[in-house]
Amino acid sequence: QVQVVESGGDLVQPGGSLKLSCAASGSAFSFYDMAWYRQAPGKQRELVATITSSGSTNYADSVKGRFTISRDNPKNLAYLQMNSLKPEDTAVYYCNARIIGINSWGKGTLVTVSS
């Protein structure tokens, strides 16, 4: 079973940028579909962005044009580059690794967008 650990969360001002990283264990990382989710206080967890094992990406409408998901298979890393951050992007961001029969979550990293 793959394990994932998020990092990179921080306090950032509106309009700023932040890059989150997701480190995955194991040797089969390239076969996993990866995703970033977020959960704001008092709200349900929502999908932010996905990247398949073949590199296809998809984004929530709320982050299109501002966020970019990517992966580095040799390093077992996935990333979420976040630009033009808004206060409403404040949330705990979770990394998800998925393949048939396996659905693994990290513990999350907190992103706070505030002046």
C-alpha atoms as a PDB file:
ATOM      1  CA  GLN A   1       0.000   0.000   0.000  1.00  0.00           C
ATOM      2  CA  VAL A   2       1.387   3.410  -0.953  1.00  0.00           C
ATOM      3  CA  GLN A   3       1.763   6.060   1.740  1.00  0.00           C
ATOM      4  CA  VAL A   4       1.687   9.755   0.955  1.00  0.00           C
ATOM      5  CA  VAL A   5       2.923  12.744   2.954  1.00  0.00           C
ATOM      6  CA  GLU A   6       2.079  16.349   2.117  1.00  0.00           C
ATOM      7  CA  SER A   7       4.287  19.367   2.786  1.00  0.00           C
ATOM      8  CA  GLY A   8       4.564  23.003   1.849  1.00  0.00           C
ATOM      9  CA  GLY A   9       1.548  24.525   3.556  1.00  0.00           C
ATOM     10  CA  ASP A  10       2.048  28.000   4.972  1.00  0.00           C
ATOM     11  CA  LEU A  11       0.541  31.411   5.640  1.00  0.00           C
ATOM     12  CA  VAL A  12       0.545  33.506   2.468  1.00  0.00           C
ATOM     13  CA  GLN A  13      -0.911  36.873   1.531  1.00  0.00           C
ATOM     14  CA  PRO A  14      -3.713  37.202  -1.018  1.00  0.00           C
ATOM     15  CA  GLY A  15      -2.255  37.224  -4.515  1.00  0.00           C
ATOM     16  CA  GLY A  16       0.720  35.177  -3.419  1.00  0.00           C
ATOM     17  CA  SER A  17       1.983  31.768  -4.507  1.00  0.00           C
ATOM     18  CA  LEU A  18       2.711  28.493  -2.807  1.00  0.00           C
ATOM     19  CA  LYS A  19       3.857  25.067  -3.968  1.00  0.00           C
ATOM     20  CA  LEU A  20       2.692  21.947  -2.195  1.00  0.00           C
ATOM     21  CA  SER A  21       4.513  18.636  -2.435  1.00  0.00           C
ATOM     22  CA  CYS A  22       3.281  15.087  -1.985  1.00  0.00           C
ATOM     23  CA  ALA A  23       5.888  12.397  -1.345  1.00  0.00           C
ATOM     24  CA  ALA A  24       4.813   8.822  -2.009  1.00  0.00           C
ATOM     25  CA  SER A  25       6.378   5.587  -0.848  1.00  0.00           C
ATOM     26  CA  GLY A  26       6.922   2.466  -2.913  1.00  0.00           C
ATOM     27  CA  SER A  27       8.125   1.618  -6.387  1.00  0.00           C
ATOM     28  CA  ALA A  28       4.834   1.780  -8.293  1.00  0.00           C
ATOM     29  CA  PHE A  29       4.237   5.525  -8.061  1.00  0.00           C
ATOM     30  CA  SER A  30       4.073   6.005 -11.823  1.00  0.00           C
ATOM     31  CA  PHE A  31       1.021   3.739 -12.009  1.00  0.00           C
ATOM     32  CA  TYR A  32      -1.044   5.744  -9.534  1.00  0.00           C
ATOM     33  CA  ASP A  33      -3.495   8.470 -10.381  1.00  0.00           C
ATOM     34  CA  MET A  34      -2.755  11.398  -8.051  1.00  0.00           C
ATOM     35  CA  ALA A  35      -5.054  14.100  -6.787  1.00  0.00           C
ATOM     36  CA  TRP A  36      -5.210  17.068  -4.459  1.00  0.00           C
ATOM     37  CA  TYR A  37      -8.271  17.725  -2.338  1.00  0.00           C
ATOM     38  CA  ARG A  38      -8.962  20.454   0.185  1.00  0.00           C
ATOM     39  CA  GLN A  39     -11.232  20.956   3.138  1.00  0.00           C
ATOM     40  CA  ALA A  40     -12.040  24.398   4.475  1.00  0.00           C
ATOM     41  CA  PRO A  41     -13.342  24.906   8.012  1.00  0.00           C
ATOM     42  CA  GLY A  42     -16.967  23.856   8.246  1.00  0.00           C
ATOM     43  CA  LYS A  43     -17.062  22.582   4.666  1.00  0.00           C
ATOM     44  CA  GLN A  44     -16.877  19.231   2.943  1.00  0.00           C
ATOM     45  CA  ARG A  45     -13.703  17.979   1.332  1.00  0.00           C
ATOM     46  CA  GLU A  46     -13.570  18.941  -2.332  1.00  0.00           C
ATOM     47  CA  LEU A  47     -11.524  17.870  -5.307  1.00  0.00           C
ATOM     48  CA  VAL A  48      -8.995  20.463  -6.462  1.00  0.00           C
ATOM     49  CA  ALA A  49      -6.967  18.794  -9.208  1.00  0.00           C
ATOM     50  CA  THR A  50      -6.084  15.391 -10.614  1.00  0.00           C
ATOM     51  CA  ILE A  51      -3.264  13.969 -12.705  1.00  0.00           C
ATOM     52  CA  THR A  52      -3.483  10.491 -14.135  1.00  0.00           C
ATOM     53  CA  SER A  53      -0.673   7.990 -14.499  1.00  0.00           C
ATOM     54  CA  SER A  54      -0.393   9.083 -18.131  1.00  0.00           C
ATOM     55  CA  GLY A  55      -0.176  12.760 -17.193  1.00  0.00           C
ATOM     56  CA  SER A  56      -3.668  13.982 -18.037  1.00  0.00           C
ATOM     57  CA  THR A  57      -4.847  16.751 -15.734  1.00  0.00           C
ATOM     58  CA  ASN A  58      -8.163  18.119 -14.582  1.00  0.00           C
ATOM     59  CA  TYR A  59      -9.094  21.022 -12.298  1.00  0.00           C
ATOM     60  CA  ALA A  60     -11.979  22.326 -10.279  1.00  0.00           C
ATOM     61  CA  ASP A  61     -13.509  25.398 -11.887  1.00  0.00           C
ATOM     62  CA  SER A  62     -12.567  27.480  -8.841  1.00  0.00           C
ATOM     63  CA  VAL A  63      -8.831  26.950  -9.402  1.00  0.00           C
ATOM     64  CA  LYS A  64      -8.552  26.731 -13.200  1.00  0.00           C
ATOM     65  CA  GLY A  65      -5.896  29.070 -14.513  1.00  0.00           C
ATOM     66  CA  ARG A  66      -4.407  29.568 -11.051  1.00  0.00           C
ATOM     67  CA  PHE A  67      -3.315  26.107  -9.888  1.00  0.00           C
ATOM     68  CA  THR A  68      -1.144  23.549 -11.681  1.00  0.00           C
ATOM     69  CA  ILE A  69      -0.798  19.898 -10.742  1.00  0.00           C
ATOM     70  CA  SER A  70       2.291  17.971 -11.826  1.00  0.00           C
ATOM     71  CA  ARG A  71       4.267  14.879 -10.992  1.00  0.00           C
ATOM     72  CA  ASP A  72       7.872  13.679 -11.019  1.00  0.00           C
ATOM     73  CA  ASN A  73       7.729   9.907 -11.287  1.00  0.00           C
ATOM     74  CA  PRO A  74      11.451   9.160 -10.764  1.00  0.00           C
ATOM     75  CA  LYS A  75      11.283  11.115  -7.486  1.00  0.00           C
ATOM     76  CA  ASN A  76       7.899   9.749  -6.371  1.00  0.00           C
ATOM     77  CA  LEU A  77       6.581  13.282  -6.015  1.00  0.00           C
ATOM     78  CA  ALA A  78       3.417  15.119  -6.942  1.00  0.00           C
ATOM     79  CA  TYR A  79       3.031  18.878  -6.748  1.00  0.00           C
ATOM     80  CA  LEU A  80       0.400  21.554  -6.623  1.00  0.00           C
ATOM     81  CA  GLN A  81       1.579  24.980  -7.719  1.00  0.00           C
ATOM     82  CA  MET A  82      -0.864  27.599  -6.467  1.00  0.00           C
ATOM     83  CA  ASN A  83      -0.777  31.147  -7.830  1.00  0.00           C
ATOM     84  CA  SER A  84      -2.984  34.195  -7.318  1.00  0.00           C
ATOM     85  CA  LEU A  85      -4.149  32.782  -4.018  1.00  0.00           C
ATOM     86  CA  LYS A  86      -7.395  34.023  -2.525  1.00  0.00           C
ATOM     87  CA  PRO A  87      -8.685  33.932   1.056  1.00  0.00           C
ATOM     88  CA  GLU A  88     -11.225  31.325  -0.056  1.00  0.00           C
ATOM     89  CA  ASP A  89      -8.342  28.981  -0.897  1.00  0.00           C
ATOM     90  CA  THR A  90      -7.682  28.657   2.827  1.00  0.00           C
ATOM     91  CA  ALA A  91      -8.009  24.985   3.713  1.00  0.00           C
ATOM     92  CA  VAL A  92      -6.213  21.822   4.662  1.00  0.00           C
ATOM     93  CA  TYR A  93      -4.903  20.315   1.436  1.00  0.00           C
ATOM     94  CA  TYR A  94      -4.772  16.535   1.094  1.00  0.00           C
ATOM     95  CA  CYS A  95      -2.882  14.353  -1.332  1.00  0.00           C
ATOM     96  CA  ASN A  96      -4.562  11.227  -2.689  1.00  0.00           C
ATOM     97  CA  ALA A  97      -3.018   8.280  -4.503  1.00  0.00           C
ATOM     98  CA  ARG A  98      -5.345   5.881  -6.258  1.00  0.00           C
ATOM     99  CA  ILE A  99      -5.139   2.664  -8.232  1.00  0.00           C
ATOM    100  CA  ILE A 100      -7.495  -0.265  -8.524  1.00  0.00           C
ATOM    101  CA  GLY A 101      -8.010  -1.585  -4.999  1.00  0.00           C
ATOM    102  CA  ILE A 102      -5.959   1.119  -3.300  1.00  0.00           C
ATOM    103  CA  ASN A 103      -6.991   4.600  -2.194  1.00  0.00           C
ATOM    104  CA  SER A 104      -4.416   6.278   0.048  1.00  0.00           C
ATOM    105  CA  TRP A 105      -4.650   9.653   1.814  1.00  0.00           C
ATOM    106  CA  GLY A 106      -2.127  11.846   3.550  1.00  0.00           C
ATOM    107  CA  LYS A 107      -2.753  13.751   6.778  1.00  0.00           C
ATOM    108  CA  GLY A 108      -2.905  17.109   5.036  1.00  0.00           C
ATOM    109  CA  THR A 109      -1.046  20.401   5.049  1.00  0.00           C
ATOM    110  CA  LEU A 110      -2.600  23.717   6.060  1.00  0.00           C
ATOM    111  CA  VAL A 111      -2.724  26.631   3.647  1.00  0.00           C
ATOM    112  CA  THR A 112      -3.860  29.961   5.053  1.00  0.00           C
ATOM    113  CA  VAL A 113      -4.392  32.923   2.752  1.00  0.00           C
ATOM    114  CA  SER A 114      -4.678  36.095   4.767  1.00  0.00           C
ATOM    115  CA  SER A 115      -3.260  39.582   5.028  1.00  0.00           C
END
